[in-house]
Protein backbone atom coordinates (compact mmCIF):
# COMPACT_ATOMS: atom_id res chain seq x y z
CA MET A 1 0.00 0.00 0.00
CA GLY A 2 1.43 3.36 -0.96
CA SER A 3 0.79 6.80 -2.37
CA LEU A 4 2.42 9.44 -4.55
CA ASP A 5 3.30 12.96 -3.57
CA HIS A 6 4.91 16.01 -5.15
CA SER A 7 7.82 17.82 -3.54
CA ASN A 8 9.83 20.52 -5.28
CA GLY A 9 8.32 19.40 -8.58
CA THR A 10 9.35 15.77 -8.01
CA LEU A 11 6.89 12.88 -7.90
CA PHE A 12 7.86 10.28 -5.30
CA ALA A 13 6.25 7.25 -3.70
CA PHE A 14 5.70 6.74 0.01
CA ARG A 15 4.03 4.15 2.20
CA ASP A 16 0.65 5.14 3.60
CA PRO A 17 0.92 5.81 7.36
CA ALA A 18 -2.61 4.44 7.80
CA ILE A 19 -1.27 0.88 7.64
CA TYR A 20 0.07 1.34 11.17
CA ALA A 21 -2.92 3.25 12.55
CA GLU A 22 -3.85 0.49 15.01
CA TYR A 23 -0.64 1.08 16.98
CA GLU A 24 -1.57 4.65 17.85
CA THR A 25 -4.15 3.19 20.22
CA LYS A 26 -2.25 0.06 21.15
CA TRP A 27 0.80 2.10 22.23
CA SER A 28 -1.05 5.14 23.56
CA LYS A 29 0.59 4.78 26.97
CA LEU A 30 4.32 5.51 27.14
CA PRO A 31 6.64 2.97 28.76
CA HIS A 32 7.64 4.03 32.27
CA ASP A 33 11.03 2.43 32.96
CA GLU A 34 14.03 0.91 31.21
CA PRO A 35 12.62 -2.64 30.86
CA SER A 36 9.33 -1.36 29.40
CA TRP A 37 11.20 0.89 26.93
CA ASN A 38 13.29 -2.11 25.88
CA GLN A 39 10.07 -4.05 25.40
CA ARG A 40 8.55 -1.27 23.29
CA ALA A 41 11.61 -1.27 21.04
CA GLN A 42 11.23 -5.04 20.67
CA GLU A 43 7.56 -4.63 19.72
CA VAL A 44 8.45 -2.07 17.06
CA ALA A 45 11.13 -4.41 15.71
CA ASP A 46 8.61 -7.26 15.56
CA VAL A 47 6.25 -5.15 13.46
CA LEU A 48 9.00 -4.02 11.10
CA ALA A 49 10.39 -7.53 10.70
CA ILE A 50 7.16 -8.81 9.15
CA ASP A 51 7.80 -7.19 5.77
CA ALA A 52 11.29 -5.67 6.05
CA ALA A 53 12.59 -7.38 2.92
CA GLN A 54 9.57 -6.35 0.85
CA ARG A 55 9.76 -2.75 2.00
CA ASP A 56 13.46 -2.69 1.17
CA LYS A 57 12.71 -3.89 -2.36
CA GLU A 58 9.94 -1.32 -2.85
CA ASN A 59 12.20 1.49 -1.62
CA LYS A 60 9.36 3.90 -0.85
CA SER A 61 9.78 6.99 1.28
CA PRO A 62 9.24 5.84 4.90
CA ARG A 63 6.37 8.06 6.02
CA ALA A 64 4.56 5.02 7.37
CA GLU A 65 7.60 3.78 9.28
CA VAL A 66 8.11 7.21 10.86
CA ALA A 67 4.42 7.19 11.83
CA LEU A 68 5.05 3.83 13.51
CA LEU A 69 7.95 5.33 15.47
CA LYS A 70 5.68 8.19 16.51
CA HIS A 71 2.94 5.82 17.66
CA SER A 72 5.47 3.80 19.66
CA GLY A 73 6.69 6.77 21.67
CA LEU A 74 10.34 5.98 20.86
CA LEU A 75 10.84 9.48 19.44
CA LYS A 76 10.16 10.80 22.96
CA LEU A 77 12.43 8.34 24.75
CA LEU A 78 15.07 10.89 25.81
CA GLY A 79 12.71 13.86 26.31
CA PRO A 80 11.83 15.39 29.68
CA LYS A 81 8.86 13.91 31.50
CA LYS A 82 7.36 17.34 32.17
CA TYR A 83 6.57 17.63 28.45
CA GLY A 84 5.51 14.01 27.98
CA GLY A 85 8.87 12.38 27.32
CA GLY A 86 10.42 9.22 28.71
CA GLU A 87 13.43 10.96 30.31
CA GLN A 88 15.59 7.89 29.75
CA PRO A 89 19.39 8.02 29.49
CA TRP A 90 21.32 7.61 26.26
CA SER A 91 22.22 4.04 27.18
CA VAL A 92 18.52 3.10 26.81
CA GLY A 93 18.27 5.11 23.61
CA TYR A 94 21.23 3.27 22.11
CA ARG A 95 19.70 -0.12 22.89
CA ALA A 96 16.42 0.97 21.27
CA ILE A 97 18.30 2.00 18.12
CA ARG A 98 20.06 -1.36 18.04
CA LYS A 99 16.88 -3.35 18.58
CA VAL A 100 14.96 -1.56 15.83
CA ALA A 101 17.94 -1.97 13.48
CA GLU A 102 17.89 -5.73 14.06
CA ALA A 103 14.64 -5.78 12.11
CA ASP A 104 15.28 -2.87 9.74
CA GLY A 105 18.62 -1.07 9.61
CA SER A 106 17.13 1.93 7.83
CA ILE A 107 14.54 2.61 10.51
CA GLY A 108 17.09 2.03 13.26
CA MET A 109 19.26 4.67 11.62
CA LEU A 110 16.33 7.11 11.33
CA LEU A 111 15.55 6.63 15.02
CA GLY A 112 19.19 7.16 15.94
CA TYR A 113 19.56 10.36 13.96
CA HIS A 114 16.31 11.71 15.38
CA LEU A 115 17.43 11.06 18.95
CA LEU A 116 20.70 12.87 18.23
CA TRP A 117 19.21 15.90 16.46
CA SER A 118 16.30 16.22 18.88
CA THR A 119 18.79 16.71 21.74
CA THR A 120 21.12 19.10 19.89
CA ALA A 121 19.95 22.14 21.85
CA ASN A 122 20.73 20.32 25.11
CA VAL A 123 24.39 20.38 24.08
CA VAL A 124 24.98 23.59 22.09
CA GLY A 125 22.00 25.71 23.16
CA ASN A 126 21.55 27.73 26.31
CA PRO A 127 19.21 26.24 28.95
CA ASP A 128 16.25 28.35 27.81
CA GLN A 129 16.70 27.27 24.19
CA ALA A 130 17.10 23.66 25.22
CA ASP A 131 13.88 23.80 27.21
CA ARG A 132 11.92 25.49 24.39
CA ILE A 133 13.13 23.02 21.77
CA GLN A 134 12.38 20.01 23.97
CA LYS A 135 8.86 21.32 24.63
CA LEU A 136 8.29 21.86 20.90
CA ILE A 137 9.53 18.41 19.88
CA ILE A 138 8.04 16.29 22.64
CA GLU A 139 4.59 17.91 22.90
CA ASN A 140 4.13 17.69 19.11
CA ASN A 141 5.80 14.27 18.75
CA TYR A 142 7.97 15.71 15.99
CA PHE A 143 10.47 13.73 13.94
CA VAL A 144 13.73 15.62 13.44
CA GLY A 145 16.14 15.45 10.51
CA GLY A 146 19.42 17.25 10.02
CA ALA A 147 21.06 19.07 7.09
CA VAL A 148 24.43 18.69 8.79
CA ASN A 149 27.33 16.90 7.14
CA PRO A 150 30.92 17.88 7.95
CA ARG A 151 32.17 16.41 4.66
CA ASP A 152 30.13 18.96 2.69
CA ASN A 153 30.75 22.66 2.42
CA ASP A 154 29.21 24.58 5.30
CA LEU A 155 25.95 26.39 4.77
CA LYS A 156 26.44 30.15 4.52
CA ILE A 157 24.68 32.36 7.04
CA VAL A 158 24.01 36.09 6.76
CA SER A 159 22.46 38.33 9.39
CA GLU A 160 19.42 40.41 8.44
CA GLY A 161 18.14 42.44 11.37
CA ASP A 162 16.77 40.13 14.03
CA ARG A 163 16.99 37.07 11.77
CA ILE A 164 19.60 34.93 10.06
CA LEU A 165 19.38 33.39 6.57
CA PHE A 166 20.82 29.97 5.68
CA ASN A 167 21.89 29.13 2.11
CA GLY A 168 23.77 26.23 0.58
CA PHE A 169 23.64 22.60 -0.47
CA LYS A 170 24.11 19.32 1.38
CA HIS A 171 24.70 16.02 -0.40
CA PHE A 172 23.33 14.02 2.54
CA ASN A 173 20.30 14.84 4.67
CA THR A 174 19.22 11.70 6.53
CA GLY A 175 15.52 11.62 7.30
CA GLY A 176 14.88 15.13 6.07
CA VAL A 177 12.12 14.27 3.60
CA VAL A 178 9.98 12.67 6.32
CA SER A 179 10.86 15.12 9.11
CA ASP A 180 8.88 17.85 10.82
CA LEU A 181 11.91 19.88 11.87
CA THR A 182 15.35 20.18 10.28
CA VAL A 183 18.56 21.02 12.11
CA LEU A 184 20.62 23.51 10.08
CA GLU A 185 24.28 24.30 10.65
CA GLY A 186 26.51 26.80 8.93
CA VAL A 187 29.11 29.56 9.25
CA LEU A 188 28.20 33.18 9.83
CA ASP A 189 29.41 35.44 7.02
CA GLY A 190 32.64 37.25 7.84
CA THR A 191 33.52 34.89 10.69
CA GLU A 192 34.62 31.33 11.28
CA ASP A 193 31.85 30.77 13.84
CA HIS A 194 29.29 28.01 13.37
CA ILE A 195 25.59 28.27 14.19
CA PHE A 196 23.10 25.44 14.79
CA ALA A 197 19.38 26.16 14.51
CA PHE A 198 16.06 24.34 14.08
CA ALA A 199 13.71 25.20 11.21
CA PRO A 200 10.34 23.81 10.07
CA THR A 201 11.00 21.32 7.29
CA HIS A 202 7.93 22.04 5.20
CA GLN A 203 8.80 25.40 3.65
CA PRO A 204 9.84 26.51 0.15
CA GLY A 205 13.44 27.14 1.16
CA ILE A 206 14.15 23.49 2.02
CA GLN A 207 14.24 21.68 -1.33
CA PHE A 208 14.87 17.94 -1.38
CA SER A 209 16.35 16.24 -4.44
CA HIS A 210 14.72 12.84 -3.78
CA ASN A 211 17.85 11.17 -5.15
CA TRP A 212 18.63 8.51 -2.54
CA GLN A 213 19.01 5.36 -4.67
CA ASN A 214 21.42 3.34 -2.60
CA ILE A 215 22.48 -0.28 -2.24
CA GLY A 216 21.84 -0.24 1.50
CA LEU A 217 19.92 1.74 4.13
CA ARG A 218 17.53 2.45 1.30
CA LEU A 219 14.70 3.78 3.47
CA THR A 220 16.71 6.47 5.27
CA GLU A 221 15.96 9.26 2.79
CA SER A 222 19.60 10.34 2.94
CA GLY A 223 19.59 12.23 -0.36
CA SER A 224 20.69 15.78 -1.02
CA VAL A 225 18.94 19.03 -0.11
CA LYS A 226 19.20 22.66 -1.21
CA ILE A 227 18.80 25.31 1.48
CA GLU A 228 17.65 28.62 0.02
CA ASN A 229 17.04 31.70 2.18
CA VAL A 230 15.75 29.73 5.16
CA SER A 231 15.06 32.34 7.82
CA VAL A 232 15.51 31.75 11.55
CA PRO A 233 15.23 34.27 14.42
CA TRP A 234 18.50 35.23 16.08
CA THR A 235 16.93 34.04 19.33
CA ASP A 236 16.97 30.49 17.89
CA ALA A 237 20.68 30.56 17.02
CA LEU A 238 21.78 27.91 19.50
CA GLY A 239 24.29 29.14 22.04
CA TRP A 240 24.46 32.68 20.63
CA ASP A 241 23.71 36.03 22.24
CA PRO A 242 20.95 37.55 20.04
CA GLN A 243 21.80 41.11 21.14
CA SER A 244 25.55 41.13 20.46
CA LYS A 245 25.19 38.43 17.76
CA THR A 246 28.23 36.60 19.08
CA PRO A 247 28.76 33.09 20.46
CA ASP A 248 28.11 32.72 24.16
CA SER A 249 31.39 31.41 25.49
CA GLU A 250 29.69 29.91 28.54
CA VAL A 251 27.72 27.65 26.19
CA LEU A 252 29.95 27.02 23.20
CA LYS A 253 33.52 27.42 24.43
CA ILE A 254 33.43 24.59 26.94
CA PRO A 255 34.19 20.85 26.51
CA PHE A 256 30.51 19.93 27.05
CA ALA A 257 29.61 21.62 23.74
CA SER A 258 31.62 18.98 21.86
CA LEU A 259 29.55 16.01 23.06
CA LEU A 260 27.59 15.62 19.83
CA LEU A 261 30.57 13.79 18.28
CA PRO A 262 30.90 10.87 20.73
CA THR A 263 27.10 10.72 20.89
CA ILE A 264 26.68 10.17 17.15
CA GLN A 265 29.63 7.76 17.03
CA LEU A 266 27.61 5.43 19.22
CA VAL A 267 24.46 6.02 17.18
CA PHE A 268 26.35 4.55 14.23
CA SER A 269 27.84 1.74 16.32
CA ASN A 270 24.44 0.64 17.55
CA PHE A 271 22.58 0.55 14.27
CA TYR A 272 25.53 -1.30 12.71
CA LEU A 273 25.39 -3.81 15.56
CA GLY A 274 21.64 -4.12 15.12
CA ILE A 275 22.13 -4.94 11.44
CA ALA A 276 24.73 -7.59 12.32
CA LEU A 277 22.60 -9.12 15.07
CA GLY A 278 19.57 -9.25 12.80
CA ALA A 279 21.57 -10.84 10.00
CA LEU A 280 23.03 -13.45 12.34
CA ASP A 281 19.56 -14.38 13.58
CA PHE A 282 18.19 -14.60 10.03
CA ALA A 283 21.14 -16.60 8.72
CA SER A 284 21.19 -19.09 11.59
CA LYS A 285 17.49 -19.84 11.17
CA TYR A 286 17.98 -20.20 7.42
CA THR A 287 20.92 -22.56 7.94
CA VAL A 288 18.94 -24.79 10.29
CA LYS A 289 15.96 -24.98 7.93
CA HIS A 290 17.45 -24.86 4.42
CA THR A 291 21.22 -25.22 4.19
CA ARG A 292 22.36 -28.68 3.14
CA ALA A 293 25.31 -30.63 4.49
CA TRP A 294 28.24 -31.25 2.13
CA PRO A 295 27.91 -34.82 0.77
CA TYR A 296 31.47 -35.44 -0.47
CA GLY A 297 33.69 -34.91 2.56
CA GLY A 298 34.15 -38.49 3.70
CA ASP A 299 32.98 -37.63 7.21
CA ASN A 300 29.47 -36.75 6.05
CA LYS A 301 27.14 -35.02 8.51
CA PRO A 302 23.38 -35.54 8.74
CA ASP A 303 22.63 -31.81 8.45
CA ALA A 304 24.31 -28.44 7.97
CA PRO A 305 24.35 -27.42 11.67
CA SER A 306 26.51 -30.49 12.36
CA GLU A 307 29.22 -29.41 9.90
CA PHE A 308 32.39 -28.37 11.69
CA TYR A 309 33.10 -25.43 9.35
CA ILE A 310 29.57 -24.07 9.82
CA LEU A 311 29.78 -24.39 13.60
CA SER A 312 33.19 -22.72 13.58
CA THR A 313 32.06 -19.89 11.31
CA TYR A 314 28.96 -19.11 13.34
CA GLY A 315 30.79 -19.50 16.64
CA THR A 316 33.59 -17.14 15.66
CA PHE A 317 31.19 -14.53 14.37
CA HIS A 318 28.98 -14.84 17.45
CA ALA A 319 31.96 -14.37 19.77
CA SER A 320 33.17 -11.31 17.82
CA LEU A 321 29.69 -9.85 17.82
CA ARG A 322 29.28 -10.30 21.58
CA ALA A 323 32.63 -8.60 22.14
CA ALA A 324 31.54 -5.66 20.00
CA VAL A 325 28.26 -5.43 21.90
CA ALA A 326 30.12 -5.37 25.22
CA LEU A 327 32.50 -2.68 23.93
CA THR A 328 29.62 -0.56 22.66
CA ASP A 329 27.54 -0.97 25.81
CA ARG A 330 30.47 0.09 27.97
CA ALA A 331 30.93 3.19 25.81
CA GLY A 332 27.19 3.89 26.05
CA ASP A 333 27.37 3.73 29.82
CA GLN A 334 30.19 6.28 29.82
CA VAL A 335 28.14 8.63 27.63
CA ARG A 336 25.18 8.10 29.98
CA LEU A 337 27.27 8.95 33.03
CA THR A 338 28.65 12.09 31.37
CA TYR A 339 25.23 13.44 30.42
CA THR A 340 23.74 12.50 33.78
CA GLN A 341 26.46 14.30 35.71
CA PHE A 342 26.94 17.42 33.58
CA SER A 343 23.66 18.19 31.73
CA GLY A 344 21.45 21.08 32.77
CA SER A 345 22.51 24.52 33.93
CA LEU A 346 25.58 26.28 32.56
CA SER A 347 27.40 25.71 35.84
CA GLN A 348 26.70 21.97 35.59
CA ARG A 349 27.96 21.85 32.01
CA ALA A 350 31.10 23.78 32.96
CA GLY A 351 31.95 20.97 35.37
CA LEU A 352 33.02 18.71 32.48
CA SER A 353 36.76 19.28 32.22
CA ALA A 354 38.82 18.99 29.06
CA HIS A 355 40.62 16.02 30.62
CA ALA A 356 37.36 14.18 31.38
CA ARG A 357 36.07 14.95 27.89
CA GLY A 358 39.28 13.54 26.44
CA GLU A 359 38.96 10.36 28.48
CA LEU A 360 35.36 9.97 27.32
CA ALA A 361 36.54 10.07 23.70
CA GLU A 362 38.49 6.84 24.19
CA PHE A 363 35.32 4.81 24.78
CA PRO A 364 33.23 5.47 21.63
CA LEU A 365 36.16 5.63 19.16
CA PRO A 366 36.78 1.85 18.80
CA ALA A 367 33.09 0.96 18.66
CA PRO A 368 32.09 2.05 15.10
CA PRO A 369 34.95 0.26 13.27
CA ALA A 370 34.41 -2.88 15.35
CA ALA A 371 30.70 -2.93 14.52
CA LEU A 372 31.20 -2.06 10.86
CA GLU A 373 33.82 -4.76 10.38
CA LEU A 374 31.27 -7.34 11.50
CA CYS A 375 28.76 -5.98 8.99
CA VAL A 376 31.36 -6.23 6.21
CA GLN A 377 31.86 -9.90 7.05
CA LEU A 378 28.20 -10.49 6.26
CA ALA A 379 28.71 -9.70 2.58
CA PRO A 380 28.98 -12.44 -0.05
CA ASP A 381 32.60 -11.36 -0.56
CA GLY A 382 33.20 -11.34 3.20
CA SER A 383 34.25 -14.13 5.52
CA TRP A 384 30.96 -15.96 5.80
CA GLY A 385 28.29 -14.42 3.56
CA TYR A 386 28.29 -17.53 1.37
CA ILE A 387 30.03 -20.02 3.64
CA ALA A 388 27.63 -20.38 6.54
CA PRO A 389 24.09 -20.01 5.13
CA GLY A 390 25.08 -21.06 1.59
CA GLU A 391 24.89 -19.33 -1.78
CA GLN A 392 21.10 -19.65 -2.04
CA ALA A 393 20.75 -17.31 0.93
CA VAL A 394 21.81 -14.29 -1.12
CA THR A 395 19.34 -14.79 -3.94
CA SER A 396 16.58 -12.22 -4.32
CA ARG A 397 14.06 -14.85 -3.28
CA VAL A 398 15.61 -15.25 0.18
CA HIS A 399 16.82 -11.65 0.41
CA PHE A 400 19.58 -12.21 2.95
CA GLN A 401 21.31 -9.29 1.22
CA HIS A 402 18.81 -7.08 3.03
CA GLY A 403 21.08 -7.64 6.01
CA TRP A 404 24.52 -7.24 4.53
CA GLY A 405 23.40 -4.59 2.05
CA GLN A 406 22.40 -2.30 4.90
CA SER A 407 26.05 -2.00 5.95
CA ARG A 408 26.89 -0.69 2.47
CA GLY A 409 24.65 2.34 3.04
CA ARG A 410 27.10 4.76 4.63
């Protein structure tokens, strides 16, 4: 079931959000603690797993999947309770990202990026801005995308009275097409100073190219976007003094303001791990049910799971995966502890020293390459893409490539 829509003169297909309407009522009550949030993430994954391969083939814009995330409450997981959020730590958010990615890597990635961008003001905004943005996002159950990519040229910002104008082009804009708000980031004209700000997505100045035709993570809507004269009040320039139009050093010139980097490193680590965990589960079930034992070895086995090379391949991968999970969870706990101890008022944020921030960096850094390496091994040209489940597993009929292909997306 799907529909067509026009955006910037482009006709594109999307899945009808009505297919998940029943979950708006079913999940009307937010989870209340860590176990119930973990359970909600599992329930979302169960729904997505039903037709993940088919949705990947169709490659339609994921409006319906974002509606499912909204119904589930997962978009509010980190938000303050006073506005209707779950007020859970990042460690719970990371596990939710991973669990959703086990069923669908694309939707796990969308959830991860939303959780990052929705908390941007908590890191680089002043406390009043952080509070206003949280209220806006949580009370409206908004999904947030971001036109922020450090590998692209920065957006250009000019000041016009009490407003700033963003202009430029970004080759990647994950989730933007299906978002309600977009995080913009650029450099103020005549300076080297960067500004983050939120803007409503649905406006003429945010023009999506609808050109995300990728081998993996196909439903992330990570195509390019043109930003043309998008106007934002100076009061919404995160961490800036709107009167002097200069960065507030108490907000932006402290180690706490750099926490977006280790935070997003673990977003990537967890949706990569989710992809690997989901692929391992799929492949092991396929091997048990369909893979045939080799009949010409001399020491013939009654079935594939009894083959030594299959047991060894799965065992080695399982051990490596568990090690990567432990590494990533430990890093997530360190991020949790840092936010718990230093979030809030400017004086609390100032308590994070440069030394402590440097020590924190050591935890997330090894996690993304460890997780990605496991995903690479899933490929047919990797260590076990053909060996363990067999060559039939990567045919379009079985669609095991839905798992390994996801890791080729970024």
